[in-house]
Protein backbone atom coordinates (compact mmCIF):
# COMPACT_ATOMS: atom_id res chain seq x y z
CA MET A 1 134.37 78.54 107.98
CA ALA A 2 134.59 82.13 109.62
CA THR A 3 132.64 83.85 112.31
CA ARG A 4 132.21 87.72 112.71
CA ARG A 5 130.62 89.04 115.83
CA ILE A 6 127.78 91.45 115.22
CA ALA A 7 127.28 94.30 118.05
CA THR A 8 123.71 94.02 119.21
CA GLU A 9 121.82 95.11 122.36
CA ARG A 10 121.82 92.22 124.75
CA ASP A 11 122.53 88.93 123.04
CA ASP A 12 125.49 87.53 121.52
CA THR A 13 125.36 87.32 117.47
CA PHE A 14 127.59 86.21 114.98
CA ALA A 15 127.76 86.15 111.28
CA ILE A 16 128.88 82.79 109.68
CA SER A 17 130.55 82.59 106.39
CA LEU A 18 132.77 80.14 104.60
CA HIS A 19 136.18 80.74 103.60
CA GLY A 20 136.66 82.89 100.80
CA GLU A 21 133.06 84.33 100.39
CA ALA A 22 132.50 87.96 101.09
CA GLU A 23 129.01 87.69 102.96
CA PRO A 24 127.67 85.63 105.41
CA ARG A 25 125.62 82.39 105.07
CA CYS A 26 123.91 82.51 108.28
CA ILE A 27 123.65 84.31 111.77
CA LEU A 28 124.00 82.31 114.93
CA LYS A 29 122.49 84.04 117.93
CA PHE A 30 123.18 83.19 121.78
CA GLU A 31 120.15 84.67 123.68
CA HIS A 32 120.63 86.95 126.85
CA PRO A 33 120.45 84.52 130.00
CA ALA A 34 117.56 86.33 130.85
CA GLU A 35 115.62 85.15 127.71
CA SER A 36 113.26 82.01 128.48
CA GLN A 37 113.04 79.14 126.29
CA ASP A 38 109.51 80.10 125.73
CA SER A 39 110.25 83.27 124.22
CA VAL A 40 113.07 81.93 122.01
CA LEU A 41 110.85 79.14 121.10
CA LEU A 42 108.15 81.49 120.20
CA ARG A 43 110.24 83.43 117.77
CA ALA A 44 111.50 80.24 116.13
CA GLN A 45 107.97 79.05 115.71
CA ALA A 46 107.03 82.33 114.07
CA LEU A 47 109.63 81.94 111.54
CA THR A 48 108.67 78.34 110.84
CA LEU A 49 105.08 79.44 110.44
CA LEU A 50 105.86 82.19 108.09
CA GLN A 51 107.82 80.08 106.01
CA GLU A 52 105.31 77.21 105.78
CA THR A 53 102.23 79.36 105.16
CA GLN A 54 103.26 82.49 103.33
CA PRO A 55 107.07 82.11 102.30
CA ASP A 56 106.64 85.13 99.90
CA ILE A 57 106.92 87.20 103.01
CA PRO A 58 110.80 87.98 102.92
CA ALA A 59 111.81 87.13 106.57
CA THR A 60 114.87 85.55 107.72
CA ARG A 61 114.53 81.56 107.85
CA LEU A 62 115.06 79.11 110.84
CA ILE A 63 117.65 76.51 110.24
CA PRO A 64 116.55 73.66 112.59
CA ALA A 65 119.37 71.66 114.52
CA ARG A 66 120.41 68.11 113.33
CA GLY A 67 117.59 66.74 115.55
CA ARG A 68 115.15 69.03 114.21
CA GLU A 69 115.15 71.11 117.37
CA LEU A 70 114.21 74.71 116.51
CA VAL A 71 116.19 76.23 119.44
CA THR A 72 119.42 74.85 121.26
CA ARG A 73 120.48 74.85 124.56
CA PHE A 74 123.82 76.02 125.38
CA ASN A 75 125.44 75.64 128.87
CA GLN A 76 127.84 78.37 129.64
CA ASN A 77 129.44 77.67 133.00
CA ASP A 78 126.57 77.48 135.29
CA THR A 79 124.29 79.76 133.06
CA VAL A 80 121.76 78.13 130.55
CA ARG A 81 121.40 80.18 127.18
CA TRP A 82 119.45 79.43 124.26
CA ALA A 83 120.86 79.63 120.55
CA THR A 84 119.26 79.71 117.16
CA LEU A 85 120.57 79.58 113.66
CA THR A 86 118.96 81.57 110.90
CA THR A 87 119.67 82.28 107.43
CA PHE A 88 121.56 85.78 106.65
CA LEU A 89 119.45 88.40 104.64
CA HIS A 90 121.52 90.21 102.01
CA GLY A 91 120.87 93.74 100.94
CA ASN A 92 120.51 97.29 102.32
CA MET A 93 118.80 98.62 105.36
CA VAL A 94 115.88 100.79 104.53
CA SER A 95 116.88 103.21 107.31
CA THR A 96 120.06 103.92 105.23
CA LEU A 97 118.27 104.93 101.83
CA PRO A 98 118.69 108.57 100.73
CA GLY A 99 115.86 110.83 100.59
CA PRO A 100 112.12 109.96 101.10
CA LEU A 101 111.11 106.57 100.51
CA SER A 102 109.62 105.70 97.04
CA GLU A 103 105.78 105.11 96.80
CA PRO A 104 106.37 101.58 95.63
CA LEU A 105 108.45 100.72 98.65
CA LEU A 106 106.03 102.26 101.19
CA ASP A 107 103.11 100.34 99.52
CA ASP A 108 105.02 97.18 99.92
CA ILE A 109 105.67 98.03 103.79
CA GLY A 110 102.20 98.43 104.43
CA VAL A 111 101.12 95.21 102.51
CA ARG A 112 104.02 93.13 104.41
CA LEU A 113 102.94 94.45 107.78
CA ALA A 114 99.31 93.48 107.14
CA GLN A 115 100.26 90.10 105.99
CA LEU A 116 102.68 89.75 108.87
CA GLN A 117 100.04 90.22 111.48
CA ARG A 118 97.78 87.96 109.83
CA VAL A 119 100.24 84.89 109.87
CA LEU A 120 101.35 85.92 113.39
CA ALA A 121 97.62 85.92 114.65
CA GLN A 122 97.50 81.97 114.20
CA LEU A 123 100.15 81.75 117.19
CA GLN A 124 98.67 81.69 120.85
CA TYR A 125 101.17 82.85 123.52
CA HIS A 126 100.56 83.55 127.27
CA ASP A 127 102.62 86.79 127.36
CA VAL A 128 103.64 88.40 130.35
CA PRO A 129 102.96 92.35 130.53
CA GLY A 130 106.04 93.99 130.50
CA ARG A 131 108.21 91.28 128.89
CA VAL A 132 108.90 93.64 125.87
CA LEU A 133 109.54 97.20 126.92
CA TRP A 134 108.49 98.49 123.56
CA ASP A 135 104.79 97.97 124.09
CA VAL A 136 103.06 101.51 123.90
CA ARG A 137 100.68 100.48 126.54
CA LEU A 138 103.57 100.39 129.04
CA LEU A 139 104.26 104.36 128.52
CA PRO A 140 102.62 105.40 131.63
CA GLN A 141 104.42 103.09 133.97
CA LEU A 142 107.73 103.41 132.15
CA ALA A 143 107.30 107.34 132.27
CA GLU A 144 106.94 107.59 135.96
CA ASP A 145 109.96 105.55 136.64
CA LEU A 146 112.01 107.32 134.00
CA LEU A 147 111.00 110.68 133.89
CA PRO A 148 113.00 112.02 136.89
CA MET A 149 116.19 110.95 135.05
CA LEU A 150 115.66 113.01 132.09
CA GLU A 151 117.97 115.96 132.26
CA ASP A 152 116.47 118.04 129.35
CA ASP A 153 113.54 120.00 130.03
CA GLU A 154 111.92 119.83 126.75
CA SER A 155 112.24 116.12 126.52
CA ARG A 156 110.64 115.72 129.95
CA SER A 157 107.74 118.19 128.98
CA ARG A 158 107.30 116.37 125.94
CA VAL A 159 107.13 112.91 127.28
CA THR A 160 104.77 114.02 129.97
CA GLN A 161 102.54 115.55 127.36
CA ALA A 162 102.55 112.10 125.67
CA VAL A 163 101.55 110.39 128.65
CA ASP A 164 98.78 112.59 129.55
CA ASP A 165 97.40 112.31 125.94
CA TYR A 166 97.69 108.75 125.82
CA MET A 167 95.78 108.27 129.17
CA ALA A 168 92.88 109.86 127.50
CA VAL A 169 92.46 106.94 124.98
CA GLU A 170 93.69 104.32 127.30
CA PRO A 171 90.58 102.68 128.20
CA GLU A 172 89.58 102.38 124.51
CA ILE A 173 93.16 100.58 123.72
CA GLU A 174 92.95 98.31 126.76
CA ARG A 175 89.67 96.81 125.87
CA LEU A 176 90.93 95.86 122.29
CA PRO A 177 92.06 92.02 121.74
CA ALA A 178 95.71 91.20 121.49
CA THR A 179 97.38 89.24 118.94
CA LEU A 180 100.97 88.27 118.26
CA CYS A 181 102.67 91.27 116.47
CA HIS A 182 106.16 92.08 115.15
CA GLY A 183 106.38 94.88 117.65
CA ASP A 184 109.37 96.90 116.00
CA PHE A 185 108.32 97.01 112.30
CA HIS A 186 110.62 100.11 111.26
CA PRO A 187 112.98 100.77 108.57
CA GLY A 188 116.13 99.55 110.56
CA ASN A 189 114.46 96.35 110.35
CA MET A 190 113.82 96.14 107.11
CA MET A 191 116.23 95.44 103.80
CA VAL A 192 115.87 96.00 100.13
CA ASP A 193 117.65 94.62 97.17
CA PRO A 194 119.94 97.58 95.86
CA ASP A 195 118.97 96.31 92.36
CA ALA A 196 115.13 96.43 93.28
CA PRO A 197 114.70 98.87 95.94
CA GLN A 198 110.99 99.33 95.24
CA ARG A 199 110.16 95.99 97.51
CA LEU A 200 111.29 94.60 100.75
CA SER A 201 113.84 92.04 100.40
CA GLY A 202 114.06 91.21 104.14
CA ILE A 203 112.37 91.67 107.46
CA LEU A 204 114.34 91.35 110.59
CA ASP A 205 114.44 91.25 114.26
CA PHE A 206 111.39 89.27 115.45
CA GLY A 207 112.93 89.60 119.06
CA ASP A 208 110.41 91.98 120.22
CA MET A 209 107.27 90.17 119.20
CA HIS A 210 104.65 90.34 121.77
CA MET A 211 100.93 90.02 122.32
CA MET A 212 99.39 93.54 121.45
CA PRO A 213 96.47 95.13 119.39
CA PRO A 214 97.40 95.05 115.80
CA ILE A 215 96.55 98.83 115.78
CA CYS A 216 99.41 99.46 118.02
CA ASP A 217 101.78 97.47 115.89
CA LEU A 218 100.42 99.67 113.01
CA GLY A 219 100.92 102.86 114.70
CA THR A 220 104.62 102.05 115.62
CA CYS A 221 105.28 101.12 111.94
CA LEU A 222 103.65 104.60 111.01
CA PHE A 223 105.55 106.74 113.47
CA TYR A 224 108.92 105.47 112.05
CA LEU A 225 107.90 106.23 108.47
CA ILE A 226 107.32 110.14 109.23
CA GLU A 227 109.66 111.92 107.00
CA ALA A 228 111.99 114.91 107.56
CA ALA A 229 110.18 118.13 107.35
CA SER A 230 112.73 119.04 104.80
CA TYR A 231 111.05 116.50 102.25
CA TYR A 232 107.52 117.61 102.91
CA PRO A 233 107.16 120.81 104.98
CA ASP A 234 103.71 120.84 104.46
CA ASP A 235 102.57 117.28 104.72
CA PRO A 236 105.24 115.26 106.91
CA LEU A 237 102.87 112.13 107.29
CA GLU A 238 102.56 111.35 103.27
CA SER A 239 105.00 108.51 103.69
CA CYS A 240 102.65 107.31 106.60
CA ARG A 241 99.58 107.62 104.58
CA SER A 242 100.75 105.87 101.59
CA ALA A 243 101.98 102.75 103.78
CA LEU A 244 98.41 103.06 105.51
CA GLU A 245 96.59 102.86 102.17
CA SER A 246 98.39 100.03 101.21
CA TYR A 247 97.80 98.34 104.61
CA MET A 248 94.12 98.76 104.77
CA GLN A 249 93.83 97.64 100.99
CA GLU A 250 95.38 94.33 101.90
CA VAL A 251 93.12 94.08 105.24
CA ASP A 252 90.40 94.87 102.88
CA SER A 253 90.97 92.36 100.29
CA ARG A 254 91.36 89.73 103.04
CA ALA A 255 87.88 90.76 104.55
CA SER A 256 86.29 90.51 101.15
CA HIS A 257 87.69 87.01 100.71
CA GLY A 258 86.18 86.25 104.20
CA SER A 259 82.99 87.59 103.59
CA ASP A 260 82.54 85.59 100.25
CA SER A 261 83.15 82.36 102.19
CA GLY A 262 80.23 83.26 104.71
CA SER A 263 82.52 84.50 107.56
CA ASP A 264 81.38 87.15 109.74
CA GLY A 265 85.04 88.14 110.25
CA GLY A 266 85.02 87.29 113.87
CA TYR A 267 83.55 90.66 114.95
CA ASP A 268 81.04 91.08 117.81
CA ASP A 269 78.26 93.70 117.84
CA ASP A 270 80.53 96.20 118.71
CA GLY A 271 82.92 95.91 115.97
CA TYR A 272 85.70 94.17 118.17
CA SER A 273 87.14 90.71 117.30
CA ASP A 274 86.76 87.99 120.05
CA GLY A 275 90.21 87.18 119.93
CA ASN A 276 89.77 83.55 119.30
CA ARG A 277 89.28 83.23 115.54
CA ASN A 278 91.32 83.51 112.53
CA ASP A 279 89.13 83.79 109.61
CA GLY A 280 91.61 85.17 107.10
CA ASN A 281 91.42 88.58 108.22
CA ASN A 282 93.66 90.57 110.64
CA SER A 283 92.04 89.33 114.01
CA GLY A 284 91.52 92.02 116.36
CA PHE A 285 91.60 94.86 113.87
CA ASP A 286 88.56 96.99 112.45
CA VAL A 287 88.64 100.52 110.87
CA GLN A 288 86.96 102.25 113.98
CA GLN A 289 90.38 101.65 115.72
CA LEU A 290 92.21 104.03 112.98
CA ASP A 291 91.30 107.13 115.04
CA LEU A 292 93.46 105.67 117.70
CA LEU A 293 96.77 106.14 115.39
CA PRO A 294 97.79 109.69 116.31
CA ALA A 295 97.67 108.77 120.11
CA ILE A 296 99.61 105.50 119.43
CA MET A 297 102.28 107.35 117.37
CA GLU A 298 102.73 110.15 120.01
CA ALA A 299 103.18 107.45 122.51
CA ARG A 300 105.79 105.15 120.50
CA GLY A 301 107.53 108.67 119.94
CA ALA A 302 107.61 109.09 123.64
CA LEU A 303 109.10 105.67 123.97
CA VAL A 304 111.75 106.60 121.37
CA VAL A 305 113.12 109.37 123.67
CA LEU A 306 112.80 107.41 126.77
CA LEU A 307 115.08 104.50 124.89
CA PRO A 308 118.42 105.49 126.04
CA LEU A 309 117.17 105.41 129.86
CA MET A 310 115.22 102.13 129.10
CA ALA A 311 118.44 100.68 127.87
CA GLU A 312 120.56 101.45 130.67
CA ARG A 313 117.88 100.96 133.38
CA PHE A 314 116.41 97.82 132.32
CA SER A 315 119.01 96.07 129.85
CA GLY A 316 122.33 97.20 131.19
CA VAL A 317 123.53 98.58 127.97
CA GLU A 318 125.19 101.66 127.23
CA ALA A 319 122.90 103.76 125.23
CA GLY A 320 125.87 104.88 123.05
CA HIS A 321 126.38 101.20 121.87
CA TYR A 322 123.47 101.51 119.48
CA LEU A 323 121.61 104.74 119.78
CA VAL A 324 122.62 107.97 117.59
CA ASP A 325 121.01 111.29 117.10
CA PRO A 326 118.98 111.81 120.20
CA GLN A 327 117.97 115.20 118.67
CA ARG A 328 116.27 113.64 115.83
CA ARG A 329 114.15 111.48 118.16
CA LEU A 330 113.12 114.33 120.01
CA ASP A 331 112.34 116.15 116.96
CA LYS A 332 109.84 113.65 115.68
CA LEU A 333 108.03 113.69 118.83
CA ARG A 334 107.99 117.48 118.79
CA LEU A 335 106.69 117.35 115.10
CA VAL A 336 103.96 114.86 116.22
CA GLN A 337 102.78 116.81 119.00
CA ASN A 338 102.91 120.43 117.24
CA LEU A 339 100.49 118.96 114.47
CA GLY A 340 98.31 117.68 116.94
CA TRP A 341 95.90 114.83 116.81
CA PRO A 342 93.36 116.52 114.34
CA ALA A 343 95.94 117.42 111.70
CA MET A 344 97.57 113.98 111.98
CA THR A 345 94.22 112.27 111.48
CA GLU A 346 93.49 114.36 108.44
CA GLN A 347 97.15 113.99 107.03
CA LEU A 348 96.84 110.14 107.68
CA GLY A 349 93.80 110.31 105.23
CA ILE A 350 91.55 108.92 108.03
CA THR A 351 89.04 111.76 108.06
CA GLN A 352 86.64 111.43 105.13
CA ASN A 353 88.82 108.98 103.46
CA ALA A 354 87.98 106.54 100.76
CA ILE A 355 90.23 104.10 102.74
CA THR A 356 88.11 103.98 105.65
CA GLN A 357 84.73 104.18 103.89
CA HIS A 358 85.61 101.56 101.51
CA ALA A 359 87.03 99.17 103.96
CA SER A 360 83.98 100.03 106.59
CA LYS A 361 81.65 98.98 103.72
CA GLU A 362 83.62 95.57 103.18
CA LEU A 363 83.06 94.76 106.88
CA LEU A 364 79.39 95.37 107.29
């Protein structure tokens, strides 16, 4: 057996392979000492639930210990750490694919996100606000702390604008029910088989799962799908629109299935889920929330700009360890803000869009 260390942000991760094999068999992860047993166990339970209820979702698989424990205690001197063993997923990162992503792949991304949300919504978790810094709802507090540390004037101005814009919709987002979500569903955590790049072959990194409104999880995914202006100079959200269409079609099909069985979908008179039911639909989501996507995407863009400071301040990690191209991150935030919410809404296909109209009819 051979082991190879993999550079990660906080934990100690090793690829394990058999002698003579070119690719690893599994991944052994020792969590950061600050990670609680509850949070590590939550990820293990999520992977187990995915495997048991929807095995066609190409997520990494958990390998239990000999005693069938999902997580294993590891004592390092006077420190307790928790370890997990998972399968190794082969393929290429979607983030490394050249050019714009193909429409079939974008369709699959949208479908897989909706399926993930539906399965993960079955898990209940008493989350601690701020446990995962990627939560867009934390932007106002994080910016207040980190803005003085931003040296670039434009970055500081752009993040400030994003905070002001987010505050305009914060009351509406705060009233949305939260379910367990992946939280970091972006091309760097997705894989494809090089021989079949039209569909996802792997979904990675469930370490940022947290309780959040599913619309925030969706907005996070869509922000990372914004293509470089050189690909679609007049329609930079085209890839986002394709993924959103497939996402809504998947949600719509489940809502239709639920209505056939006599379910009311778990929605109250205001159109919001009571957060305590799972009727085959994505709990807590309804099409009225699509109008919040521009604000959520902008907020995620601001968090991406703040990421180096977040890593150094809260995780004790040198930003250069895993981050590249800060200008590109700022470019995306600039693009979103220069477009403005009305243009974003139109390019996403939300305004007078058949997706919204059709899904609305199915939920009535």
